[in-house]
Amino acid sequence: MATTVQNSTYHASVVSTSKLGVYSALIEKLHFNYYGLISMTILIGSCLGGLTAMFILKNDAAIWQLALCMAVSMTNNVAAIGQAPTKWVLNSFVIGILVNTLLILINM
């Protein structure tokens, strides 16, 4: 019985490590090109944030949508310009892309 519990615990840790391994490998790859990552996240994140703000203002949408758009875009820029760890820069960029894309789709 103890062996079964130990094997199931081992299996759970292997599964979570393999999923985490892909993410960690991506972070390590991006860490090598850290300054390229910073420049691309600033460029893409700022352009998408500007487009999102344009759609929000064009539709006279609620001001909270504009505030949310600017908050996630500025968070991305602050993390990149402040040279935060690679993981923070990547996570803030992904969150910014998702939120701004959702706001664009809402305001089309």
PDB file of N, CA and C in Angstrom:
ATOM      1  N   MET A   1       0.823  -1.188   0.000  1.00  0.00           N
ATOM      2  CA  MET A   1       0.000   0.000   0.000  1.00  0.00           C
ATOM      3  C   MET A   1       0.872   1.259   0.000  1.00  0.00           C
ATOM      4  N   ALA A   2       1.938   1.253   0.765  1.00  0.00           N
ATOM      5  CA  ALA A   2       2.840   2.406   0.805  1.00  0.00           C
ATOM      6  C   ALA A   2       3.484   2.626  -0.555  1.00  0.00           C
ATOM      7  N   THR A   3       3.735   1.538  -1.288  1.00  0.00           N
ATOM      8  CA  THR A   3       4.342   1.652  -2.604  1.00  0.00           C
ATOM      9  C   THR A   3       3.384   2.332  -3.579  1.00  0.00           C
ATOM     10  N   THR A   4       2.099   2.029  -3.480  1.00  0.00           N
ATOM     11  CA  THR A   4       1.112   2.638  -4.353  1.00  0.00           C
ATOM     12  C   THR A   4       1.036   4.146  -4.123  1.00  0.00           C
ATOM     13  N   VAL A   5       1.041   4.551  -2.866  1.00  0.00           N
ATOM     14  CA  VAL A   5       0.993   5.970  -2.553  1.00  0.00           C
ATOM     15  C   VAL A   5       2.258   6.648  -3.052  1.00  0.00           C
ATOM     16  N   GLN A   6       3.382   6.011  -2.865  1.00  0.00           N
ATOM     17  CA  GLN A   6       4.634   6.591  -3.299  1.00  0.00           C
ATOM     18  C   GLN A   6       4.673   6.709  -4.826  1.00  0.00           C
ATOM     19  N   ASN A   7       4.206   5.687  -5.541  1.00  0.00           N
ATOM     20  CA  ASN A   7       4.196   5.740  -6.998  1.00  0.00           C
ATOM     21  C   ASN A   7       3.245   6.817  -7.517  1.00  0.00           C
ATOM     22  N   SER A   8       2.079   6.944  -6.900  1.00  0.00           N
ATOM     23  CA  SER A   8       1.137   7.963  -7.361  1.00  0.00           C
ATOM     24  C   SER A   8       1.683   9.366  -7.072  1.00  0.00           C
ATOM     25  N   THR A   9       2.377   9.526  -5.961  1.00  0.00           N
ATOM     26  CA  THR A   9       2.997  10.813  -5.664  1.00  0.00           C
ATOM     27  C   THR A   9       4.093  11.110  -6.673  1.00  0.00           C
ATOM     28  N   TYR A  10       4.875  10.092  -7.006  1.00  0.00           N
ATOM     29  CA  TYR A  10       5.943  10.262  -7.991  1.00  0.00           C
ATOM     30  C   TYR A  10       5.352  10.614  -9.350  1.00  0.00           C
ATOM     31  N   HIS A  11       4.268   9.926  -9.732  1.00  0.00           N
ATOM     32  CA  HIS A  11       3.626  10.199 -11.023  1.00  0.00           C
ATOM     33  C   HIS A  11       3.108  11.640 -11.073  1.00  0.00           C
ATOM     34  N   ALA A  12       2.493  12.102  -9.983  1.00  0.00           N
ATOM     35  CA  ALA A  12       1.980  13.470  -9.953  1.00  0.00           C
ATOM     36  C   ALA A  12       3.112  14.479 -10.072  1.00  0.00           C
ATOM     37  N   SER A  13       4.227  14.215  -9.421  1.00  0.00           N
ATOM     38  CA  SER A  13       5.334  15.164  -9.500  1.00  0.00           C
ATOM     39  C   SER A  13       5.982  15.140 -10.878  1.00  0.00           C
ATOM     40  N   VAL A  14       6.006  13.978 -11.542  1.00  0.00           N
ATOM     41  CA  VAL A  14       6.576  13.891 -12.886  1.00  0.00           C
ATOM     42  C   VAL A  14       5.704  14.649 -13.875  1.00  0.00           C
ATOM     43  N   VAL A  15       4.393  14.512 -13.746  1.00  0.00           N
ATOM     44  CA  VAL A  15       3.476  15.199 -14.648  1.00  0.00           C
ATOM     45  C   VAL A  15       3.603  16.710 -14.467  1.00  0.00           C
ATOM     46  N   SER A  16       3.600  17.181 -13.217  1.00  0.00           N
ATOM     47  CA  SER A  16       3.690  18.621 -12.995  1.00  0.00           C
ATOM     48  C   SER A  16       5.061  19.146 -13.394  1.00  0.00           C
ATOM     49  N   THR A  17       6.117  18.354 -13.219  1.00  0.00           N
ATOM     50  CA  THR A  17       7.451  18.788 -13.608  1.00  0.00           C
ATOM     51  C   THR A  17       7.577  18.855 -15.123  1.00  0.00           C
ATOM     52  N   SER A  18       6.940  17.925 -15.834  1.00  0.00           N
ATOM     53  CA  SER A  18       7.037  17.963 -17.288  1.00  0.00           C
ATOM     54  C   SER A  18       6.305  19.173 -17.853  1.00  0.00           C
ATOM     55  N   LYS A  19       5.169  19.541 -17.291  1.00  0.00           N
ATOM     56  CA  LYS A  19       4.468  20.737 -17.735  1.00  0.00           C
ATOM     57  C   LYS A  19       5.271  21.983 -17.378  1.00  0.00           C
ATOM     58  N   LEU A  20       5.828  21.984 -16.189  1.00  0.00           N
ATOM     59  CA  LEU A  20       6.626  23.107 -15.753  1.00  0.00           C
ATOM     60  C   LEU A  20       7.941  23.156 -16.502  1.00  0.00           C
ATOM     61  N   GLY A  21       8.410  22.002 -16.962  1.00  0.00           N
ATOM     62  CA  GLY A  21       9.673  21.941 -17.679  1.00  0.00           C
ATOM     63  C   GLY A  21       9.628  22.693 -18.993  1.00  0.00           C
ATOM     64  N   VAL A  22       8.519  22.640 -19.697  1.00  0.00           N
ATOM     65  CA  VAL A  22       8.377  23.354 -20.967  1.00  0.00           C
ATOM     66  C   VAL A  22       8.411  24.861 -20.703  1.00  0.00           C
ATOM     67  N   TYR A  23       7.702  25.297 -19.690  1.00  0.00           N
ATOM     68  CA  TYR A  23       7.677  26.712 -19.337  1.00  0.00           C
ATOM     69  C   TYR A  23       9.060  27.177 -18.877  1.00  0.00           C
ATOM     70  N   SER A  24       9.715  26.377 -18.064  1.00  0.00           N
ATOM     71  CA  SER A  24      11.061  26.720 -17.594  1.00  0.00           C
ATOM     72  C   SER A  24      12.055  26.745 -18.740  1.00  0.00           C
ATOM     73  N   ALA A  25      11.913  25.831 -19.675  1.00  0.00           N
ATOM     74  CA  ALA A  25      12.798  25.824 -20.841  1.00  0.00           C
ATOM     75  C   ALA A  25      12.580  27.082 -21.685  1.00  0.00           C
ATOM     76  N   LEU A  26      11.331  27.520 -21.820  1.00  0.00           N
ATOM     77  CA  LEU A  26      11.038  28.744 -22.552  1.00  0.00           C
ATOM     78  C   LEU A  26      11.655  29.949 -21.847  1.00  0.00           C
ATOM     79  N   ILE A  27      11.535  29.991 -20.543  1.00  0.00           N
ATOM     80  CA  ILE A  27      12.118  31.088 -19.771  1.00  0.00           C
ATOM     81  C   ILE A  27      13.632  31.110 -19.949  1.00  0.00           C
ATOM     82  N   GLU A  28      14.268  29.951 -19.913  1.00  0.00           N
ATOM     83  CA  GLU A  28      15.723  29.885 -20.094  1.00  0.00           C
ATOM     84  C   GLU A  28      16.138  30.346 -21.492  1.00  0.00           C
ATOM     85  N   LYS A  29      15.360  29.953 -22.506  1.00  0.00           N
ATOM     86  CA  LYS A  29      15.644  30.393 -23.872  1.00  0.00           C
ATOM     87  C   LYS A  29      15.516  31.907 -23.997  1.00  0.00           C
ATOM     88  N   LEU A  30      14.465  32.445 -23.409  1.00  0.00           N
ATOM     89  CA  LEU A  30      14.243  33.877 -23.482  1.00  0.00           C
ATOM     90  C   LEU A  30      15.235  34.656 -22.631  1.00  0.00           C
ATOM     91  N   HIS A  31      15.730  34.028 -21.570  1.00  0.00           N
ATOM     92  CA  HIS A  31      16.719  34.700 -20.730  1.00  0.00           C
ATOM     93  C   HIS A  31      18.001  34.950 -21.508  1.00  0.00           C
ATOM     94  N   PHE A  32      18.326  34.071 -22.432  1.00  0.00           N
ATOM     95  CA  PHE A  32      19.511  34.257 -23.269  1.00  0.00           C
ATOM     96  C   PHE A  32      19.357  35.489 -24.154  1.00  0.00           C
ATOM     97  N   ASN A  33      18.147  35.731 -24.645  1.00  0.00           N
ATOM     98  CA  ASN A  33      17.847  36.895 -25.499  1.00  0.00           C
ATOM     99  C   ASN A  33      17.067  37.945 -24.721  1.00  0.00           C
ATOM    100  N   TYR A  34      17.501  38.255 -23.515  1.00  0.00           N
ATOM    101  CA  TYR A  34      16.730  39.102 -22.604  1.00  0.00           C
ATOM    102  C   TYR A  34      16.460  40.490 -23.184  1.00  0.00           C
ATOM    103  N   TYR A  35      17.465  41.137 -23.757  1.00  0.00           N
ATOM    104  CA  TYR A  35      17.263  42.493 -24.267  1.00  0.00           C
ATOM    105  C   TYR A  35      16.416  42.496 -25.538  1.00  0.00           C
ATOM    106  N   GLY A  36      16.469  41.452 -26.308  1.00  0.00           N
ATOM    107  CA  GLY A  36      15.567  41.314 -27.447  1.00  0.00           C
ATOM    108  C   GLY A  36      14.135  41.136 -26.978  1.00  0.00           C
ATOM    109  N   LEU A  37      13.949  40.348 -25.911  1.00  0.00           N
ATOM    110  CA  LEU A  37      12.618  40.151 -25.328  1.00  0.00           C
ATOM    111  C   LEU A  37      12.064  41.477 -24.828  1.00  0.00           C
ATOM    112  N   ILE A  38      12.897  42.250 -24.157  1.00  0.00           N
ATOM    113  CA  ILE A  38      12.455  43.535 -23.637  1.00  0.00           C
ATOM    114  C   ILE A  38      11.994  44.445 -24.772  1.00  0.00           C
ATOM    115  N   SER A  39      12.795  44.545 -25.818  1.00  0.00           N
ATOM    116  CA  SER A  39      12.422  45.451 -26.912  1.00  0.00           C
ATOM    117  C   SER A  39      11.153  44.994 -27.624  1.00  0.00           C
ATOM    118  N   MET A  40      10.992  43.700 -27.809  1.00  0.00           N
ATOM    119  CA  MET A  40       9.796  43.203 -28.499  1.00  0.00           C
ATOM    120  C   MET A  40       8.542  43.349 -27.640  1.00  0.00           C
ATOM    121  N   THR A  41       8.650  43.114 -26.340  1.00  0.00           N
ATOM    122  CA  THR A  41       7.464  43.264 -25.493  1.00  0.00           C
ATOM    123  C   THR A  41       7.037  44.720 -25.395  1.00  0.00           C
ATOM    124  N   ILE A  42       8.002  45.623 -25.355  1.00  0.00           N
ATOM    125  CA  ILE A  42       7.644  47.052 -25.324  1.00  0.00           C
ATOM    126  C   ILE A  42       6.972  47.453 -26.636  1.00  0.00           C
ATOM    127  N   LEU A  43       7.553  47.041 -27.746  1.00  0.00           N
ATOM    128  CA  LEU A  43       7.011  47.415 -29.059  1.00  0.00           C
ATOM    129  C   LEU A  43       5.618  46.833 -29.276  1.00  0.00           C
ATOM    130  N   ILE A  44       5.492  45.539 -29.143  1.00  0.00           N
ATOM    131  CA  ILE A  44       4.209  44.871 -29.417  1.00  0.00           C
ATOM    132  C   ILE A  44       3.156  45.258 -28.387  1.00  0.00           C
ATOM    133  N   GLY A  45       3.536  45.266 -27.110  1.00  0.00           N
ATOM    134  CA  GLY A  45       2.579  45.608 -26.055  1.00  0.00           C
ATOM    135  C   GLY A  45       2.063  47.031 -26.161  1.00  0.00           C
ATOM    136  N   SER A  46       2.959  47.973 -26.497  1.00  0.00           N
ATOM    137  CA  SER A  46       2.538  49.371 -26.621  1.00  0.00           C
ATOM    138  C   SER A  46       1.650  49.583 -27.848  1.00  0.00           C
ATOM    139  N   CYS A  47       1.997  48.957 -28.959  1.00  0.00           N
ATOM    140  CA  CYS A  47       1.158  49.083 -30.167  1.00  0.00           C
ATOM    141  C   CYS A  47      -0.227  48.498 -29.939  1.00  0.00           C
ATOM    142  N   LEU A  48      -0.288  47.336 -29.332  1.00  0.00           N
ATOM    143  CA  LEU A  48      -1.593  46.718 -29.080  1.00  0.00           C
ATOM    144  C   LEU A  48      -2.388  47.525 -28.059  1.00  0.00           C
ATOM    145  N   GLY A  49      -1.721  48.079 -27.059  1.00  0.00           N
ATOM    146  CA  GLY A  49      -2.403  48.928 -26.083  1.00  0.00           C
ATOM    147  C   GLY A  49      -2.968  50.186 -26.723  1.00  0.00           C
ATOM    148  N   GLY A  50      -2.219  50.779 -27.643  1.00  0.00           N
ATOM    149  CA  GLY A  50      -2.706  51.953 -28.356  1.00  0.00           C
ATOM    150  C   GLY A  50      -3.901  51.646 -29.236  1.00  0.00           C
ATOM    151  N   LEU A  51      -3.846  50.509 -29.931  1.00  0.00           N
ATOM    152  CA  LEU A  51      -5.002  50.096 -30.757  1.00  0.00           C
ATOM    153  C   LEU A  51      -6.229  49.835 -29.895  1.00  0.00           C
ATOM    154  N   THR A  52      -6.003  49.198 -28.760  1.00  0.00           N
ATOM    155  CA  THR A  52      -7.119  48.913 -27.859  1.00  0.00           C
ATOM    156  C   THR A  52      -7.732  50.207 -27.345  1.00  0.00           C
ATOM    157  N   ALA A  53      -6.897  51.164 -26.965  1.00  0.00           N
ATOM    158  CA  ALA A  53      -7.403  52.462 -26.493  1.00  0.00           C
ATOM    159  C   ALA A  53      -8.202  53.153 -27.594  1.00  0.00           C
ATOM    160  N   MET A  54      -7.738  53.044 -28.840  1.00  0.00           N
ATOM    161  CA  MET A  54      -8.456  53.654 -29.961  1.00  0.00           C
ATOM    162  C   MET A  54      -9.855  53.050 -30.095  1.00  0.00           C
ATOM    163  N   PHE A  55      -9.949  51.717 -30.038  1.00  0.00           N
ATOM    164  CA  PHE A  55     -11.259  51.066 -30.156  1.00  0.00           C
ATOM    165  C   PHE A  55     -12.168  51.446 -28.988  1.00  0.00           C
ATOM    166  N   ILE A  56     -11.610  51.517 -27.794  1.00  0.00           N
ATOM    167  CA  ILE A  56     -12.417  51.860 -26.616  1.00  0.00           C
ATOM    168  C   ILE A  56     -12.949  53.287 -26.733  1.00  0.00           C
ATOM    169  N   LEU A  57     -12.076  54.220 -27.108  1.00  0.00           N
ATOM    170  CA  LEU A  57     -12.504  55.616 -27.219  1.00  0.00           C
ATOM    171  C   LEU A  57     -13.454  55.826 -28.399  1.00  0.00           C
ATOM    172  N   LYS A  58     -13.266  55.076 -29.462  1.00  0.00           N
ATOM    173  CA  LYS A  58     -14.137  55.178 -30.635  1.00  0.00           C
ATOM    174  C   LYS A  58     -15.565  54.771 -30.302  1.00  0.00           C
ATOM    175  N   ASN A  59     -15.715  53.787 -29.419  1.00  0.00           N
ATOM    176  CA  ASN A  59     -17.044  53.284 -29.060  1.00  0.00           C
ATOM    177  C   ASN A  59     -17.658  53.993 -27.865  1.00  0.00           C
ATOM    178  N   ASP A  60     -16.982  54.966 -27.296  1.00  0.00           N
ATOM    179  CA  ASP A  60     -17.454  55.623 -26.061  1.00  0.00           C
ATOM    180  C   ASP A  60     -17.777  54.591 -24.987  1.00  0.00           C
ATOM    181  N   ALA A  61     -16.885  53.640 -24.818  1.00  0.00           N
ATOM    182  CA  ALA A  61     -17.074  52.576 -23.830  1.00  0.00           C
ATOM    183  C   ALA A  61     -16.817  53.128 -22.426  1.00  0.00           C
ATOM    184  N   ALA A  62     -17.073  52.294 -21.450  1.00  0.00           N
ATOM    185  CA  ALA A  62     -16.883  52.690 -20.049  1.00  0.00           C
ATOM    186  C   ALA A  62     -15.415  53.011 -19.787  1.00  0.00           C
ATOM    187  N   ILE A  63     -15.196  53.950 -18.889  1.00  0.00           N
ATOM    188  CA  ILE A  63     -13.840  54.409 -18.602  1.00  0.00           C
ATOM    189  C   ILE A  63     -12.996  53.314 -17.943  1.00  0.00           C
ATOM    190  N   TRP A  64     -13.638  52.346 -17.276  1.00  0.00           N
ATOM    191  CA  TRP A  64     -12.875  51.280 -16.636  1.00  0.00           C
ATOM    192  C   TRP A  64     -12.175  50.415 -17.672  1.00  0.00           C
ATOM    193  N   GLN A  65     -12.749  50.316 -18.878  1.00  0.00           N
ATOM    194  CA  GLN A  65     -12.089  49.545 -19.930  1.00  0.00           C
ATOM    195  C   GLN A  65     -10.797  50.220 -20.367  1.00  0.00           C
ATOM    196  N   LEU A  66     -10.833  51.538 -20.488  1.00  0.00           N
ATOM    197  CA  LEU A  66      -9.627  52.280 -20.842  1.00  0.00           C
ATOM    198  C   LEU A  66      -8.588  52.183 -19.725  1.00  0.00           C
ATOM    199  N   ALA A  67      -9.048  52.270 -18.484  1.00  0.00           N
ATOM    200  CA  ALA A  67      -8.128  52.157 -17.348  1.00  0.00           C
ATOM    201  C   ALA A  67      -7.487  50.775 -17.297  1.00  0.00           C
ATOM    202  N   LEU A  68      -8.266  49.735 -17.566  1.00  0.00           N
ATOM    203  CA  LEU A  68      -7.731  48.373 -17.581  1.00  0.00           C
ATOM    204  C   LEU A  68      -6.722  48.193 -18.702  1.00  0.00           C
ATOM    205  N   CYS A  69      -7.051  48.705 -19.865  1.00  0.00           N
ATOM    206  CA  CYS A  69      -6.150  48.638 -21.017  1.00  0.00           C
ATOM    207  C   CYS A  69      -4.818  49.305 -20.702  1.00  0.00           C
ATOM    208  N   MET A  70      -4.870  50.504 -20.169  1.00  0.00           N
ATOM    209  CA  MET A  70      -3.641  51.240 -19.863  1.00  0.00           C
ATOM    210  C   MET A  70      -2.877  50.598 -18.712  1.00  0.00           C
ATOM    211  N   ALA A  71      -3.593  50.039 -17.749  1.00  0.00           N
ATOM    212  CA  ALA A  71      -2.912  49.407 -16.608  1.00  0.00           C
ATOM    213  C   ALA A  71      -2.090  48.202 -17.048  1.00  0.00           C
ATOM    214  N   VAL A  72      -2.666  47.328 -17.870  1.00  0.00           N
ATOM    215  CA  VAL A  72      -1.907  46.146 -18.287  1.00  0.00           C
ATOM    216  C   VAL A  72      -0.795  46.518 -19.259  1.00  0.00           C
ATOM    217  N   SER A  73      -1.030  47.516 -20.100  1.00  0.00           N
ATOM    218  CA  SER A  73       0.020  47.942 -21.029  1.00  0.00           C
ATOM    219  C   SER A  73       1.178  48.595 -20.280  1.00  0.00           C
ATOM    220  N   MET A  74       0.861  49.416 -19.311  1.00  0.00           N
ATOM    221  CA  MET A  74       1.917  50.075 -18.539  1.00  0.00           C
ATOM    222  C   MET A  74       2.634  49.089 -17.618  1.00  0.00           C
ATOM    223  N   THR A  75       1.934  48.094 -17.118  1.00  0.00           N
ATOM    224  CA  THR A  75       2.591  47.073 -16.308  1.00  0.00           C
ATOM    225  C   THR A  75       3.628  46.336 -17.140  1.00  0.00           C
ATOM    226  N   ASN A  76       3.279  46.008 -18.353  1.00  0.00           N
ATOM    227  CA  ASN A  76       4.212  45.365 -19.261  1.00  0.00           C
ATOM    228  C   ASN A  76       5.428  46.255 -19.506  1.00  0.00           C
ATOM    229  N   ASN A  77       5.190  47.528 -19.783  1.00  0.00           N
ATOM    230  CA  ASN A  77       6.290  48.444 -20.053  1.00  0.00           C
ATOM    231  C   ASN A  77       7.178  48.660 -18.826  1.00  0.00           C
ATOM    232  N   VAL A  78       6.576  48.786 -17.664  1.00  0.00           N
ATOM    233  CA  VAL A  78       7.354  48.982 -16.441  1.00  0.00           C
ATOM    234  C   VAL A  78       8.214  47.766 -16.148  1.00  0.00           C
ATOM    235  N   ALA A  79       7.661  46.573 -16.320  1.00  0.00           N
ATOM    236  CA  ALA A  79       8.445  45.355 -16.082  1.00  0.00           C
ATOM    237  C   ALA A  79       9.605  45.259 -17.057  1.00  0.00           C
ATOM    238  N   ALA A  80       9.371  45.630 -18.298  1.00  0.00           N
ATOM    239  CA  ALA A  80      10.432  45.539 -19.308  1.00  0.00           C
ATOM    240  C   ALA A  80      11.497  46.616 -19.112  1.00  0.00           C
ATOM    241  N   ILE A  81      11.071  47.852 -18.944  1.00  0.00           N
ATOM    242  CA  ILE A  81      12.031  48.945 -18.799  1.00  0.00           C
ATOM    243  C   ILE A  81      12.788  48.839 -17.482  1.00  0.00           C
ATOM    244  N   GLY A  82      12.107  48.385 -16.439  1.00  0.00           N
ATOM    245  CA  GLY A  82      12.746  48.219 -15.136  1.00  0.00           C
ATOM    246  C   GLY A  82      13.624  46.984 -15.048  1.00  0.00           C
ATOM    247  N   GLN A  83      13.742  46.229 -16.135  1.00  0.00           N
ATOM    248  CA  GLN A  83      14.550  45.015 -16.229  1.00  0.00           C
ATOM    249  C   GLN A  83      14.201  44.015 -15.125  1.00  0.00           C
ATOM    250  N   ALA A  84      12.917  43.752 -15.006  1.00  0.00           N
ATOM    251  CA  ALA A  84      12.428  42.740 -14.077  1.00  0.00           C
ATOM    252  C   ALA A  84      12.913  41.369 -14.553  1.00  0.00           C
ATOM    253  N   PRO A  85      12.804  40.352 -13.713  1.00  0.00           N
ATOM    254  CA  PRO A  85      13.187  39.007 -14.159  1.00  0.00           C
ATOM    255  C   PRO A  85      12.416  38.582 -15.412  1.00  0.00           C
ATOM    256  N   THR A  86      13.021  37.707 -16.180  1.00  0.00           N
ATOM    257  CA  THR A  86      12.451  37.264 -17.454  1.00  0.00           C
ATOM    258  C   THR A  86      11.038  36.730 -17.275  1.00  0.00           C
ATOM    259  N   LYS A  87      10.809  36.001 -16.207  1.00  0.00           N
ATOM    260  CA  LYS A  87       9.502  35.413 -15.953  1.00  0.00           C
ATOM    261  C   LYS A  87       8.436  36.509 -15.784  1.00  0.00           C
ATOM    262  N   TRP A  88       8.759  37.569 -15.098  1.00  0.00           N
ATOM    263  CA  TRP A  88       7.809  38.663 -14.895  1.00  0.00           C
ATOM    264  C   TRP A  88       7.513  39.372 -16.210  1.00  0.00           C
ATOM    265  N   VAL A  89       8.561  39.610 -16.993  1.00  0.00           N
ATOM    266  CA  VAL A  89       8.377  40.301 -18.276  1.00  0.00           C
ATOM    267  C   VAL A  89       7.474  39.468 -19.185  1.00  0.00           C
ATOM    268  N   LEU A  90       7.744  38.167 -19.267  1.00  0.00           N
ATOM    269  CA  LEU A  90       6.938  37.286 -20.115  1.00  0.00           C
ATOM    270  C   LEU A  90       5.498  37.202 -19.621  1.00  0.00           C
ATOM    271  N   ASN A  91       5.307  37.019 -18.325  1.00  0.00           N
ATOM    272  CA  ASN A  91       3.947  36.903 -17.781  1.00  0.00           C
ATOM    273  C   ASN A  91       3.148  38.191 -17.973  1.00  0.00           C
ATOM    274  N   SER A  92       3.765  39.342 -17.721  1.00  0.00           N
ATOM    275  CA  SER A  92       3.036  40.603 -17.909  1.00  0.00           C
ATOM    276  C   SER A  92       2.715  40.835 -19.386  1.00  0.00           C
ATOM    277  N   PHE A  93       3.605  40.396 -20.265  1.00  0.00           N
ATOM    278  CA  PHE A  93       3.348  40.528 -21.703  1.00  0.00           C
ATOM    279  C   PHE A  93       2.167  39.656 -22.128  1.00  0.00           C
ATOM    280  N   VAL A  94       2.135  38.423 -21.682  1.00  0.00           N
ATOM    281  CA  VAL A  94       1.045  37.507 -22.046  1.00  0.00           C
ATOM    282  C   VAL A  94      -0.284  38.017 -21.488  1.00  0.00           C
ATOM    283  N   ILE A  95      -0.286  38.475 -20.253  1.00  0.00           N
ATOM    284  CA  ILE A  95      -1.518  39.014 -19.664  1.00  0.00           C
ATOM    285  C   ILE A  95      -1.975  40.245 -20.439  1.00  0.00           C
ATOM    286  N   GLY A  96      -1.042  41.107 -20.803  1.00  0.00           N
ATOM    287  CA  GLY A  96      -1.388  42.299 -21.582  1.00  0.00           C
ATOM    288  C   GLY A  96      -1.979  41.958 -22.929  1.00  0.00           C
ATOM    289  N   ILE A  97      -1.387  40.981 -23.606  1.00  0.00           N
ATOM    290  CA  ILE A  97      -1.913  40.562 -24.914  1.00  0.00           C
ATOM    291  C   ILE A  97      -3.329  40.010 -24.770  1.00  0.00           C
ATOM    292  N   LEU A  98      -3.546  39.157 -23.780  1.00  0.00           N
ATOM    293  CA  LEU A  98      -4.873  38.550 -23.598  1.00  0.00           C
ATOM    294  C   LEU A  98      -5.931  39.597 -23.257  1.00  0.00           C
ATOM    295  N   VAL A  99      -5.627  40.471 -22.303  1.00  0.00           N
ATOM    296  CA  VAL A  99      -6.608  41.478 -21.876  1.00  0.00           C
ATOM    297  C   VAL A  99      -6.905  42.456 -23.009  1.00  0.00           C
ATOM    298  N   ASN A 100      -5.867  42.942 -23.674  1.00  0.00           N
ATOM    299  CA  ASN A 100      -6.097  43.907 -24.758  1.00  0.00           C
ATOM    300  C   ASN A 100      -6.830  43.284 -25.944  1.00  0.00           C
ATOM    301  N   THR A 101      -6.529  42.034 -26.255  1.00  0.00           N
ATOM    302  CA  THR A 101      -7.250  41.359 -27.329  1.00  0.00           C
ATOM    303  C   THR A 101      -8.720  41.180 -26.979  1.00  0.00           C
ATOM    304  N   LEU A 102      -8.991  40.816 -25.731  1.00  0.00           N
ATOM    305  CA  LEU A 102     -10.376  40.676 -25.285  1.00  0.00           C
ATOM    306  C   LEU A 102     -11.107  42.011 -25.355  1.00  0.00           C
ATOM    307  N   LEU A 103     -10.457  43.081 -24.949  1.00  0.00           N
ATOM    308  CA  LEU A 103     -11.099  44.403 -25.003  1.00  0.00           C
ATOM    309  C   LEU A 103     -11.338  44.849 -26.446  1.00  0.00           C
ATOM    310  N   ILE A 104     -10.434  44.523 -27.349  1.00  0.00           N
ATOM    311  CA  ILE A 104     -10.649  44.851 -28.768  1.00  0.00           C
ATOM    312  C   ILE A 104     -11.865  44.095 -29.297  1.00  0.00           C
ATOM    313  N   LEU A 105     -11.954  42.811 -28.973  1.00  0.00           N
ATOM    314  CA  LEU A 105     -13.091  42.021 -29.446  1.00  0.00           C
ATOM    315  C   LEU A 105     -14.418  42.525 -28.877  1.00  0.00           C
ATOM    316  N   ILE A 106     -14.389  42.975 -27.641  1.00  0.00           N
ATOM    317  CA  ILE A 106     -15.614  43.513 -27.024  1.00  0.00           C
ATOM    318  C   ILE A 106     -16.047  44.795 -27.731  1.00  0.00           C
ATOM    319  N   ASN A 107     -15.100  45.619 -28.139  1.00  0.00           N
ATOM    320  CA  ASN A 107     -15.406  46.936 -28.693  1.00  0.00           C
ATOM    321  C   ASN A 107     -15.443  46.998 -30.207  1.00  0.00           C
ATOM    322  N   MET A 108     -15.429  45.876 -30.886  1.00  0.00           N
ATOM    323  CA  MET A 108     -15.504  45.894 -32.348  1.00  0.00           C
ATOM    324  C   MET A 108     -16.904  46.140 -32.830  1.00  0.00           C
TER     325      MET A 108
END
